Amino acid sequence: MPTYAAVTAAPAEPVLTALRRSRVGGYLYSGGPAGGTSLLFDPPRARFGRISQQRLLNPAWDLAFELKAAVWLLQDDGRCAFATACFAGGGCHELGWAADWTPPADPAGLAAHRADWDAYCAKIAGKAGLRDPAALAEVRNDPAPDGTRPSGTDVLRRMCALVGAPDAVVGQSLLAQAGPGGREFVRFEAKGR
């Protein structure tokens, strides 16, 4: 199942307050007493027959700006999973996991790749306010010795746990389905700016 959703560590009340100025409607799932919030945004309208990545990203970035906290946009199309951190002060950074990615076989190449990945994840974790930057670097889809590997869904569920948000939106996308799966979702409407 495809995923197009957003998660944040912020509890539902401040998220709903921030969404009052949203240009996009959707559904909210609260993490309850444990905190965190997950969202399914209504799909943006296509322009020239397609929806750009920027238009998909805009609701999460707008929410981060209004909320003054990091918001993570989660996407998975089966070939590649992405988690894009949107920051309150502007900007974003994307992490991606290709389903067919294979780490370098050369030990030196693997060490260099891992060092780059760890540094990039530490930078993102610091900007996003994650408590354990090393934990973000451990969200990987490296193949196991038997050839199996975590799916995009597995990786995005780990991201939700790391961020401190419920993973009920993983495997859901209003681009592909009419409404959320589950009754615990609350509808929010676009108010415009």
N, C-alpha and C. Protein backbone atom coordinates (compact mmCIF):
# COMPACT_ATOMS: atom_id res chain seq x y z
N MET A 1 0.84 -1.19 0.00
CA MET A 1 0.00 0.00 0.00
C MET A 1 0.88 1.25 0.00
N PRO A 2 0.53 2.23 -0.78
CA PRO A 2 1.31 3.47 -0.77
C PRO A 2 1.09 4.25 0.51
N THR A 3 2.05 5.08 0.83
CA THR A 3 1.93 5.97 1.99
C THR A 3 2.14 7.41 1.54
N TYR A 4 1.26 8.29 1.98
CA TYR A 4 1.44 9.74 1.88
C TYR A 4 0.82 10.30 3.15
N ALA A 5 1.66 10.62 4.13
CA ALA A 5 1.19 11.01 5.45
C ALA A 5 2.24 11.89 6.12
N ALA A 6 1.88 12.44 7.26
CA ALA A 6 2.82 13.24 8.05
C ALA A 6 2.71 12.84 9.51
N VAL A 7 3.81 12.96 10.22
CA VAL A 7 3.83 12.67 11.66
C VAL A 7 4.62 13.75 12.37
N THR A 8 4.26 13.95 13.63
CA THR A 8 4.98 14.89 14.48
C THR A 8 4.88 14.41 15.93
N ALA A 9 5.84 14.79 16.74
CA ALA A 9 5.82 14.44 18.15
C ALA A 9 4.84 15.29 18.93
N ALA A 10 4.36 16.38 18.33
CA ALA A 10 3.44 17.28 19.02
C ALA A 10 2.10 16.60 19.27
N PRO A 11 1.48 16.87 20.43
CA PRO A 11 0.17 16.29 20.71
C PRO A 11 -0.93 16.90 19.84
N ALA A 12 -2.09 16.27 19.85
CA ALA A 12 -3.18 16.62 18.94
C ALA A 12 -3.67 18.06 19.09
N GLU A 13 -3.82 18.55 20.30
CA GLU A 13 -4.41 19.89 20.49
C GLU A 13 -3.62 21.00 19.79
N PRO A 14 -2.30 21.11 20.02
CA PRO A 14 -1.57 22.14 19.29
C PRO A 14 -1.57 21.92 17.78
N VAL A 15 -1.60 20.65 17.37
CA VAL A 15 -1.64 20.36 15.93
C VAL A 15 -2.96 20.86 15.34
N LEU A 16 -4.07 20.56 16.01
CA LEU A 16 -5.37 21.04 15.53
C LEU A 16 -5.43 22.57 15.50
N THR A 17 -4.85 23.22 16.49
CA THR A 17 -4.79 24.68 16.51
C THR A 17 -4.01 25.19 15.30
N ALA A 18 -2.88 24.58 15.02
CA ALA A 18 -2.07 24.98 13.87
C ALA A 18 -2.79 24.71 12.56
N LEU A 19 -3.57 23.63 12.51
CA LEU A 19 -4.28 23.27 11.28
C LEU A 19 -5.45 24.21 10.99
N ARG A 20 -5.85 25.02 11.94
CA ARG A 20 -6.96 25.96 11.70
C ARG A 20 -6.64 26.94 10.58
N ARG A 21 -5.36 27.15 10.31
CA ARG A 21 -4.95 28.06 9.24
C ARG A 21 -4.49 27.30 8.00
N SER A 22 -4.73 26.00 7.98
CA SER A 22 -4.25 25.15 6.89
C SER A 22 -5.00 25.42 5.59
N ARG A 23 -4.29 25.27 4.51
CA ARG A 23 -4.89 25.37 3.18
C ARG A 23 -5.35 24.02 2.66
N VAL A 24 -5.11 22.96 3.46
CA VAL A 24 -5.42 21.60 3.04
C VAL A 24 -6.16 20.89 4.18
N GLY A 25 -7.18 20.15 3.83
CA GLY A 25 -7.89 19.34 4.81
C GLY A 25 -7.27 17.96 4.92
N GLY A 26 -7.90 17.14 5.74
CA GLY A 26 -7.41 15.78 5.90
C GLY A 26 -7.94 15.14 7.15
N TYR A 27 -7.18 14.18 7.66
CA TYR A 27 -7.57 13.43 8.85
C TYR A 27 -6.40 13.38 9.83
N LEU A 28 -6.74 13.46 11.12
CA LEU A 28 -5.74 13.45 12.19
C LEU A 28 -5.95 12.20 13.05
N TYR A 29 -4.85 11.60 13.44
CA TYR A 29 -4.86 10.46 14.36
C TYR A 29 -3.99 10.84 15.55
N SER A 30 -4.59 10.82 16.74
CA SER A 30 -3.88 11.22 17.95
C SER A 30 -3.21 10.03 18.61
N GLY A 31 -2.03 10.27 19.14
CA GLY A 31 -1.30 9.24 19.87
C GLY A 31 -1.81 9.05 21.28
N GLY A 32 -2.81 9.84 21.67
CA GLY A 32 -3.38 9.71 23.00
C GLY A 32 -2.40 10.18 24.06
N PRO A 33 -2.44 9.58 25.25
CA PRO A 33 -1.58 10.02 26.34
C PRO A 33 -0.09 9.89 26.01
N ALA A 34 0.25 8.97 25.12
CA ALA A 34 1.67 8.79 24.75
C ALA A 34 2.16 9.97 23.91
N GLY A 35 1.24 10.76 23.36
CA GLY A 35 1.63 11.92 22.56
C GLY A 35 1.84 11.57 21.11
N GLY A 36 2.19 12.58 20.36
CA GLY A 36 2.42 12.41 18.93
C GLY A 36 1.13 12.43 18.15
N THR A 37 1.25 12.85 16.90
CA THR A 37 0.09 12.98 16.02
C THR A 37 0.48 12.54 14.63
N SER A 38 -0.45 11.88 13.96
CA SER A 38 -0.25 11.46 12.57
C SER A 38 -1.36 12.05 11.72
N LEU A 39 -1.04 12.38 10.48
CA LEU A 39 -1.99 13.05 9.60
C LEU A 39 -2.01 12.44 8.22
N LEU A 40 -3.20 12.42 7.64
CA LEU A 40 -3.37 12.10 6.23
C LEU A 40 -3.91 13.36 5.57
N PHE A 41 -3.15 13.94 4.66
CA PHE A 41 -3.58 15.16 3.98
C PHE A 41 -4.38 14.82 2.73
N ASP A 42 -5.41 15.64 2.47
CA ASP A 42 -6.12 15.53 1.20
C ASP A 42 -5.12 15.75 0.07
N PRO A 43 -5.29 15.06 -1.05
CA PRO A 43 -4.33 15.23 -2.15
C PRO A 43 -4.46 16.61 -2.79
N PRO A 44 -3.33 17.20 -3.15
CA PRO A 44 -3.40 18.47 -3.87
C PRO A 44 -3.91 18.25 -5.29
N ARG A 45 -4.42 19.30 -5.88
CA ARG A 45 -4.88 19.20 -7.26
C ARG A 45 -3.68 19.08 -8.19
N ALA A 46 -3.87 18.28 -9.21
CA ALA A 46 -2.82 18.12 -10.21
C ALA A 46 -2.73 19.37 -11.07
N ARG A 47 -1.54 19.71 -11.46
CA ARG A 47 -1.29 20.80 -12.41
C ARG A 47 -0.60 20.19 -13.61
N PHE A 48 -1.12 20.50 -14.77
CA PHE A 48 -0.55 19.97 -16.01
C PHE A 48 -0.50 18.44 -15.98
N GLY A 49 -1.52 17.84 -15.35
CA GLY A 49 -1.64 16.39 -15.35
C GLY A 49 -0.83 15.66 -14.31
N ARG A 50 -0.13 16.39 -13.43
CA ARG A 50 0.65 15.69 -12.40
C ARG A 50 0.73 16.51 -11.13
N ILE A 51 1.12 15.86 -10.05
CA ILE A 51 1.28 16.52 -8.76
C ILE A 51 2.77 16.56 -8.45
N SER A 52 3.32 17.74 -8.30
CA SER A 52 4.75 17.88 -8.05
C SER A 52 5.08 17.49 -6.61
N GLN A 53 6.32 17.13 -6.40
CA GLN A 53 6.80 16.80 -5.05
C GLN A 53 6.64 18.01 -4.13
N GLN A 54 6.85 19.20 -4.63
CA GLN A 54 6.70 20.40 -3.81
C GLN A 54 5.27 20.56 -3.31
N ARG A 55 4.30 20.28 -4.17
CA ARG A 55 2.89 20.38 -3.76
C ARG A 55 2.54 19.31 -2.73
N LEU A 56 3.17 18.14 -2.82
CA LEU A 56 2.96 17.11 -1.81
C LEU A 56 3.59 17.50 -0.48
N LEU A 57 4.69 18.19 -0.54
CA LEU A 57 5.43 18.60 0.66
C LEU A 57 4.82 19.81 1.37
N ASN A 58 4.17 20.69 0.64
CA ASN A 58 3.68 21.96 1.20
C ASN A 58 2.84 21.82 2.47
N PRO A 59 1.87 20.90 2.57
CA PRO A 59 1.08 20.83 3.81
C PRO A 59 1.92 20.53 5.04
N ALA A 60 2.91 19.65 4.92
CA ALA A 60 3.78 19.33 6.06
C ALA A 60 4.64 20.52 6.42
N TRP A 61 5.17 21.21 5.42
CA TRP A 61 6.00 22.37 5.71
C TRP A 61 5.17 23.49 6.35
N ASP A 62 3.96 23.72 5.83
CA ASP A 62 3.08 24.73 6.42
C ASP A 62 2.76 24.40 7.87
N LEU A 63 2.50 23.12 8.15
CA LEU A 63 2.20 22.70 9.52
C LEU A 63 3.40 22.92 10.42
N ALA A 64 4.59 22.59 9.97
CA ALA A 64 5.80 22.81 10.77
C ALA A 64 5.96 24.29 11.10
N PHE A 65 5.69 25.16 10.12
CA PHE A 65 5.79 26.61 10.34
C PHE A 65 4.78 27.07 11.39
N GLU A 66 3.54 26.64 11.26
CA GLU A 66 2.49 27.05 12.20
C GLU A 66 2.70 26.44 13.58
N LEU A 67 3.15 25.20 13.62
CA LEU A 67 3.31 24.46 14.86
C LEU A 67 4.59 24.86 15.60
N LYS A 68 5.55 25.38 14.85
CA LYS A 68 6.88 25.70 15.41
C LYS A 68 7.57 24.45 15.93
N ALA A 69 7.40 23.36 15.18
CA ALA A 69 8.01 22.07 15.52
C ALA A 69 8.23 21.29 14.24
N ALA A 70 9.12 20.33 14.30
CA ALA A 70 9.41 19.50 13.13
C ALA A 70 8.22 18.62 12.78
N VAL A 71 7.97 18.49 11.49
CA VAL A 71 6.94 17.60 10.95
C VAL A 71 7.62 16.74 9.90
N TRP A 72 7.35 15.46 9.90
CA TRP A 72 7.95 14.51 8.97
C TRP A 72 6.92 14.06 7.94
N LEU A 73 7.20 14.28 6.68
CA LEU A 73 6.35 13.78 5.61
C LEU A 73 6.84 12.38 5.24
N LEU A 74 5.95 11.41 5.28
CA LEU A 74 6.28 10.02 4.97
C LEU A 74 5.67 9.65 3.62
N GLN A 75 6.48 9.04 2.76
CA GLN A 75 6.00 8.59 1.46
C GLN A 75 6.61 7.23 1.15
N ASP A 76 5.81 6.39 0.50
CA ASP A 76 6.30 5.08 0.07
C ASP A 76 5.47 4.64 -1.13
N ASP A 77 6.15 4.31 -2.22
CA ASP A 77 5.45 3.86 -3.42
C ASP A 77 5.79 2.40 -3.75
N GLY A 78 6.45 1.71 -2.82
CA GLY A 78 6.84 0.33 -3.05
C GLY A 78 8.26 0.20 -3.60
N ARG A 79 8.68 1.16 -4.40
CA ARG A 79 10.05 1.16 -4.93
C ARG A 79 11.00 1.93 -4.02
N CYS A 80 10.48 2.95 -3.36
CA CYS A 80 11.31 3.79 -2.51
C CYS A 80 10.45 4.40 -1.41
N ALA A 81 10.99 4.45 -0.21
CA ALA A 81 10.33 5.11 0.92
C ALA A 81 11.13 6.36 1.25
N PHE A 82 10.41 7.41 1.67
CA PHE A 82 11.04 8.68 2.02
C PHE A 82 10.47 9.20 3.33
N ALA A 83 11.32 9.86 4.10
CA ALA A 83 10.91 10.63 5.27
C ALA A 83 11.56 11.99 5.11
N THR A 84 10.75 13.01 4.94
CA THR A 84 11.26 14.36 4.75
C THR A 84 10.97 15.16 6.00
N ALA A 85 12.03 15.63 6.67
CA ALA A 85 11.88 16.46 7.86
C ALA A 85 11.67 17.90 7.43
N CYS A 86 10.54 18.47 7.84
CA CYS A 86 10.23 19.88 7.56
C CYS A 86 10.42 20.65 8.85
N PHE A 87 11.15 21.74 8.79
CA PHE A 87 11.52 22.47 9.99
C PHE A 87 10.75 23.78 10.12
N ALA A 88 10.47 24.16 11.37
CA ALA A 88 9.69 25.36 11.65
C ALA A 88 10.33 26.62 11.07
N GLY A 89 11.62 26.69 11.08
CA GLY A 89 12.32 27.87 10.58
C GLY A 89 12.51 27.85 9.07
N GLY A 90 11.96 26.86 8.42
CA GLY A 90 12.11 26.74 6.97
C GLY A 90 13.08 25.64 6.60
N GLY A 91 12.96 25.19 5.41
CA GLY A 91 13.83 24.16 4.89
C GLY A 91 13.38 22.76 5.26
N CYS A 92 13.97 21.81 4.58
CA CYS A 92 13.66 20.41 4.84
C CYS A 92 14.84 19.55 4.39
N HIS A 93 14.89 18.34 4.92
CA HIS A 93 15.90 17.36 4.54
C HIS A 93 15.20 16.02 4.35
N GLU A 94 15.62 15.31 3.30
CA GLU A 94 14.97 14.06 2.94
C GLU A 94 15.88 12.87 3.16
N LEU A 95 15.31 11.83 3.74
CA LEU A 95 15.96 10.54 3.85
C LEU A 95 15.23 9.59 2.92
N GLY A 96 15.97 8.74 2.22
CA GLY A 96 15.33 7.81 1.28
C GLY A 96 15.91 6.42 1.40
N TRP A 97 15.04 5.43 1.17
CA TRP A 97 15.43 4.03 1.23
C TRP A 97 14.88 3.33 -0.01
N ALA A 98 15.74 3.04 -0.97
CA ALA A 98 15.32 2.34 -2.18
C ALA A 98 15.16 0.86 -1.87
N ALA A 99 14.10 0.25 -2.39
CA ALA A 99 13.81 -1.16 -2.12
C ALA A 99 14.91 -2.08 -2.64
N ASP A 100 15.59 -1.67 -3.71
CA ASP A 100 16.61 -2.54 -4.30
C ASP A 100 18.04 -2.07 -4.00
N TRP A 101 18.20 -1.20 -3.02
CA TRP A 101 19.53 -0.69 -2.69
C TRP A 101 20.41 -1.79 -2.12
N THR A 102 21.64 -1.80 -2.56
CA THR A 102 22.62 -2.75 -2.06
C THR A 102 23.84 -1.96 -1.57
N PRO A 103 24.27 -2.20 -0.34
CA PRO A 103 25.44 -1.49 0.16
C PRO A 103 26.70 -1.85 -0.62
N PRO A 104 27.68 -0.97 -0.63
CA PRO A 104 28.94 -1.28 -1.32
C PRO A 104 29.57 -2.55 -0.75
N ALA A 105 30.08 -3.39 -1.64
CA ALA A 105 30.72 -4.64 -1.22
C ALA A 105 32.11 -4.40 -0.65
N ASP A 106 32.78 -3.37 -1.15
CA ASP A 106 34.12 -3.01 -0.70
C ASP A 106 34.05 -2.46 0.73
N PRO A 107 34.81 -3.02 1.68
CA PRO A 107 34.75 -2.55 3.07
C PRO A 107 35.04 -1.05 3.21
N ALA A 108 35.99 -0.55 2.44
CA ALA A 108 36.31 0.89 2.53
C ALA A 108 35.15 1.72 2.00
N GLY A 109 34.56 1.27 0.90
CA GLY A 109 33.41 1.97 0.34
C GLY A 109 32.21 1.93 1.29
N LEU A 110 32.01 0.80 1.93
CA LEU A 110 30.92 0.66 2.89
C LEU A 110 31.14 1.57 4.10
N ALA A 111 32.38 1.62 4.59
CA ALA A 111 32.69 2.48 5.74
C ALA A 111 32.48 3.95 5.38
N ALA A 112 32.90 4.35 4.19
CA ALA A 112 32.71 5.74 3.75
C ALA A 112 31.22 6.06 3.60
N HIS A 113 30.47 5.14 3.00
CA HIS A 113 29.03 5.35 2.86
C HIS A 113 28.37 5.49 4.22
N ARG A 114 28.72 4.60 5.13
CA ARG A 114 28.11 4.63 6.48
C ARG A 114 28.47 5.91 7.22
N ALA A 115 29.71 6.37 7.09
CA ALA A 115 30.12 7.62 7.74
C ALA A 115 29.33 8.80 7.19
N ASP A 116 29.13 8.84 5.88
CA ASP A 116 28.33 9.92 5.26
C ASP A 116 26.88 9.87 5.74
N TRP A 117 26.30 8.67 5.76
CA TRP A 117 24.92 8.49 6.21
C TRP A 117 24.78 8.92 7.67
N ASP A 118 25.71 8.49 8.53
CA ASP A 118 25.65 8.84 9.95
C ASP A 118 25.73 10.35 10.15
N ALA A 119 26.63 11.02 9.42
CA ALA A 119 26.78 12.47 9.55
C ALA A 119 25.53 13.19 9.06
N TYR A 120 24.97 12.74 7.94
CA TYR A 120 23.75 13.35 7.41
C TYR A 120 22.59 13.18 8.39
N CYS A 121 22.44 11.98 8.94
CA CYS A 121 21.38 11.73 9.90
C CYS A 121 21.57 12.54 11.18
N ALA A 122 22.80 12.70 11.64
CA ALA A 122 23.07 13.51 12.83
C ALA A 122 22.66 14.96 12.60
N LYS A 123 22.93 15.47 11.41
CA LYS A 123 22.54 16.84 11.07
C LYS A 123 21.02 17.00 11.11
N ILE A 124 20.31 16.06 10.50
CA ILE A 124 18.85 16.12 10.48
C ILE A 124 18.29 15.96 11.88
N ALA A 125 18.79 14.99 12.63
CA ALA A 125 18.30 14.73 13.98
C ALA A 125 18.49 15.96 14.86
N GLY A 126 19.62 16.63 14.73
CA GLY A 126 19.86 17.83 15.51
C GLY A 126 18.87 18.93 15.19
N LYS A 127 18.62 19.17 13.91
CA LYS A 127 17.66 20.20 13.51
C LYS A 127 16.24 19.84 13.90
N ALA A 128 15.92 18.54 13.89
CA ALA A 128 14.57 18.09 14.22
C ALA A 128 14.34 17.94 15.72
N GLY A 129 15.41 18.06 16.51
CA GLY A 129 15.27 17.96 17.96
C GLY A 129 15.10 16.53 18.46
N LEU A 130 15.58 15.56 17.70
CA LEU A 130 15.50 14.17 18.16
C LEU A 130 16.52 13.94 19.27
N ARG A 131 16.12 13.18 20.27
CA ARG A 131 16.99 12.97 21.43
C ARG A 131 18.22 12.15 21.13
N ASP A 132 18.09 11.18 20.22
CA ASP A 132 19.19 10.26 19.95
C ASP A 132 19.53 10.28 18.46
N PRO A 133 20.47 11.14 18.04
CA PRO A 133 20.82 11.21 16.62
C PRO A 133 21.27 9.88 16.04
N ALA A 134 21.94 9.05 16.83
CA ALA A 134 22.42 7.76 16.32
C ALA A 134 21.26 6.84 15.97
N ALA A 135 20.13 6.99 16.66
CA ALA A 135 18.97 6.14 16.38
C ALA A 135 18.43 6.41 14.98
N LEU A 136 18.48 7.64 14.53
CA LEU A 136 18.01 7.95 13.18
C LEU A 136 18.90 7.27 12.14
N ALA A 137 20.20 7.25 12.37
CA ALA A 137 21.13 6.60 11.44
C ALA A 137 20.92 5.09 11.38
N GLU A 138 20.33 4.53 12.42
CA GLU A 138 20.08 3.08 12.46
C GLU A 138 18.82 2.68 11.69
N VAL A 139 18.03 3.65 11.24
CA VAL A 139 16.86 3.33 10.42
C VAL A 139 17.39 3.09 9.01
N ARG A 140 17.59 1.82 8.70
CA ARG A 140 18.21 1.42 7.45
C ARG A 140 17.45 0.23 6.85
N ASN A 141 17.67 0.00 5.59
CA ASN A 141 17.07 -1.18 4.95
C ASN A 141 18.13 -2.07 4.31
N ASP A 142 19.25 -2.20 5.00
CA ASP A 142 20.31 -3.08 4.51
C ASP A 142 19.80 -4.52 4.44
N PRO A 143 20.21 -5.26 3.40
CA PRO A 143 19.80 -6.66 3.33
C PRO A 143 20.46 -7.49 4.42
N ALA A 144 19.70 -8.45 4.94
CA ALA A 144 20.23 -9.41 5.91
C ALA A 144 21.04 -10.45 5.15
N PRO A 145 21.84 -11.28 5.84
CA PRO A 145 22.63 -12.31 5.16
C PRO A 145 21.79 -13.26 4.30
N ASP A 146 20.51 -13.46 4.67
CA ASP A 146 19.66 -14.35 3.87
C ASP A 146 18.99 -13.63 2.69
N GLY A 147 19.32 -12.35 2.52
CA GLY A 147 18.78 -11.59 1.40
C GLY A 147 17.51 -10.82 1.69
N THR A 148 16.88 -11.07 2.83
CA THR A 148 15.69 -10.31 3.20
C THR A 148 16.09 -8.92 3.66
N ARG A 149 15.14 -8.01 3.60
CA ARG A 149 15.42 -6.65 4.08
C ARG A 149 14.11 -6.03 4.56
N PRO A 150 14.20 -5.00 5.40
CA PRO A 150 12.98 -4.31 5.82
C PRO A 150 12.30 -3.66 4.61
N SER A 151 10.98 -3.70 4.60
CA SER A 151 10.22 -3.04 3.53
C SER A 151 10.13 -1.54 3.82
N GLY A 152 9.64 -0.79 2.86
CA GLY A 152 9.40 0.63 3.08
C GLY A 152 8.45 0.86 4.24
N THR A 153 7.45 -0.01 4.36
CA THR A 153 6.50 0.10 5.48
C THR A 153 7.22 -0.10 6.81
N ASP A 154 8.11 -1.09 6.88
CA ASP A 154 8.88 -1.34 8.11
C ASP A 154 9.72 -0.12 8.47
N VAL A 155 10.38 0.45 7.48
CA VAL A 155 11.24 1.61 7.72
C VAL A 155 10.42 2.80 8.22
N LEU A 156 9.26 3.04 7.61
CA LEU A 156 8.43 4.18 8.02
C LEU A 156 7.83 3.96 9.41
N ARG A 157 7.52 2.73 9.76
CA ARG A 157 7.04 2.45 11.12
C ARG A 157 8.15 2.75 12.15
N ARG A 158 9.38 2.41 11.81
CA ARG A 158 10.51 2.72 12.70
C ARG A 158 10.67 4.23 12.84
N MET A 159 10.45 4.96 11.73
CA MET A 159 10.53 6.43 11.79
C MET A 159 9.47 6.98 12.73
N CYS A 160 8.25 6.46 12.66
CA CYS A 160 7.18 6.92 13.56
C CYS A 160 7.57 6.70 15.02
N ALA A 161 8.10 5.52 15.32
CA ALA A 161 8.52 5.23 16.70
C ALA A 161 9.62 6.17 17.13
N LEU A 162 10.56 6.43 16.26
CA LEU A 162 11.67 7.33 16.57
C LEU A 162 11.19 8.75 16.83
N VAL A 163 10.25 9.21 16.02
CA VAL A 163 9.71 10.58 16.16
C VAL A 163 8.81 10.68 17.38
N GLY A 164 8.17 9.59 17.76
CA GLY A 164 7.24 9.61 18.88
C GLY A 164 5.82 9.87 18.43
N ALA A 165 5.46 9.30 17.27
CA ALA A 165 4.12 9.49 16.71
C ALA A 165 3.52 8.13 16.38
N PRO A 166 2.19 8.03 16.39
CA PRO A 166 1.56 6.76 16.03
C PRO A 166 1.79 6.40 14.58
N ASP A 167 1.89 5.10 14.31
CA ASP A 167 2.18 4.66 12.94
C ASP A 167 0.92 4.24 12.17
N ALA A 168 -0.25 4.66 12.65
CA ALA A 168 -1.52 4.28 12.01
C ALA A 168 -1.63 4.75 10.57
N VAL A 169 -0.86 5.74 10.17
CA VAL A 169 -0.95 6.28 8.81
C VAL A 169 -0.03 5.57 7.83
N VAL A 170 0.88 4.77 8.31
CA VAL A 170 1.79 4.04 7.41
C VAL A 170 0.97 3.04 6.61
N GLY A 171 1.15 3.07 5.30
CA GLY A 171 0.37 2.22 4.41
C GLY A 171 -0.95 2.85 4.01
N GLN A 172 -1.11 4.14 4.30
CA GLN A 172 -2.33 4.84 3.91
C GLN A 172 -1.97 6.10 3.13
N SER A 173 -2.83 6.44 2.18
CA SER A 173 -2.63 7.62 1.36
C SER A 173 -3.97 8.04 0.76
N LEU A 174 -4.34 9.28 0.99
CA LEU A 174 -5.57 9.79 0.38
C LEU A 174 -5.39 10.04 -1.11
N LEU A 175 -4.17 9.84 -1.62
CA LEU A 175 -3.95 9.85 -3.06
C LEU A 175 -4.49 8.56 -3.68
N ALA A 176 -4.58 7.50 -2.86
CA ALA A 176 -4.96 6.18 -3.37
C ALA A 176 -6.25 5.63 -2.76
N GLN A 177 -6.76 6.27 -1.72
CA GLN A 177 -7.97 5.79 -1.07
C GLN A 177 -8.84 6.98 -0.70
N ALA A 178 -10.14 6.75 -0.55
CA ALA A 178 -11.09 7.84 -0.32
C ALA A 178 -11.05 8.37 1.11
N GLY A 179 -10.71 7.55 2.06
CA GLY A 179 -10.67 7.96 3.46
C GLY A 179 -9.73 7.07 4.23
N PRO A 180 -9.53 7.39 5.51
CA PRO A 180 -8.59 6.61 6.32
C PRO A 180 -9.17 5.26 6.69
N GLY A 181 -8.28 4.31 6.91
CA GLY A 181 -8.67 3.02 7.45
C GLY A 181 -8.62 3.10 8.96
N GLY A 182 -9.76 2.99 9.60
CA GLY A 182 -9.82 3.10 11.06
C GLY A 182 -10.76 4.21 11.48
N ARG A 183 -11.40 4.02 12.61
CA ARG A 183 -12.40 4.99 13.09
C ARG A 183 -11.82 6.05 14.01
N GLU A 184 -10.59 5.91 14.41
CA GLU A 184 -10.02 6.83 15.38
C GLU A 184 -9.56 8.15 14.76
N PHE A 185 -9.68 8.27 13.45
CA PHE A 185 -9.26 9.48 12.76
C PHE A 185 -10.31 10.58 12.91
N VAL A 186 -9.85 11.83 13.04
CA VAL A 186 -10.72 13.00 13.15
C VAL A 186 -10.50 13.84 11.91
N ARG A 187 -11.58 14.26 11.26
CA ARG A 187 -11.51 15.08 10.07
C ARG A 187 -11.18 16.53 10.45
N PHE A 188 -10.28 17.16 9.67
CA PHE A 188 -10.06 18.61 9.80
C PHE A 188 -10.23 19.19 8.39
N GLU A 189 -10.77 20.38 8.33
CA GLU A 189 -11.08 21.01 7.05
C GLU A 189 -10.09 22.11 6.73
N ALA A 190 -9.89 22.37 5.47
CA ALA A 190 -9.04 23.48 5.02
C ALA A 190 -9.75 24.78 5.32
N LYS A 191 -9.05 25.70 5.95
CA LYS A 191 -9.63 27.00 6.28
C LYS A 191 -9.11 28.09 5.36
N GLY A 192 -7.94 27.88 4.79
CA GLY A 192 -7.32 28.91 3.95
C GLY A 192 -6.62 29.94 4.79
N ARG A 193 -5.84 30.75 4.11
CA ARG A 193 -5.07 31.79 4.84
C ARG A 193 -5.61 33.14 4.47
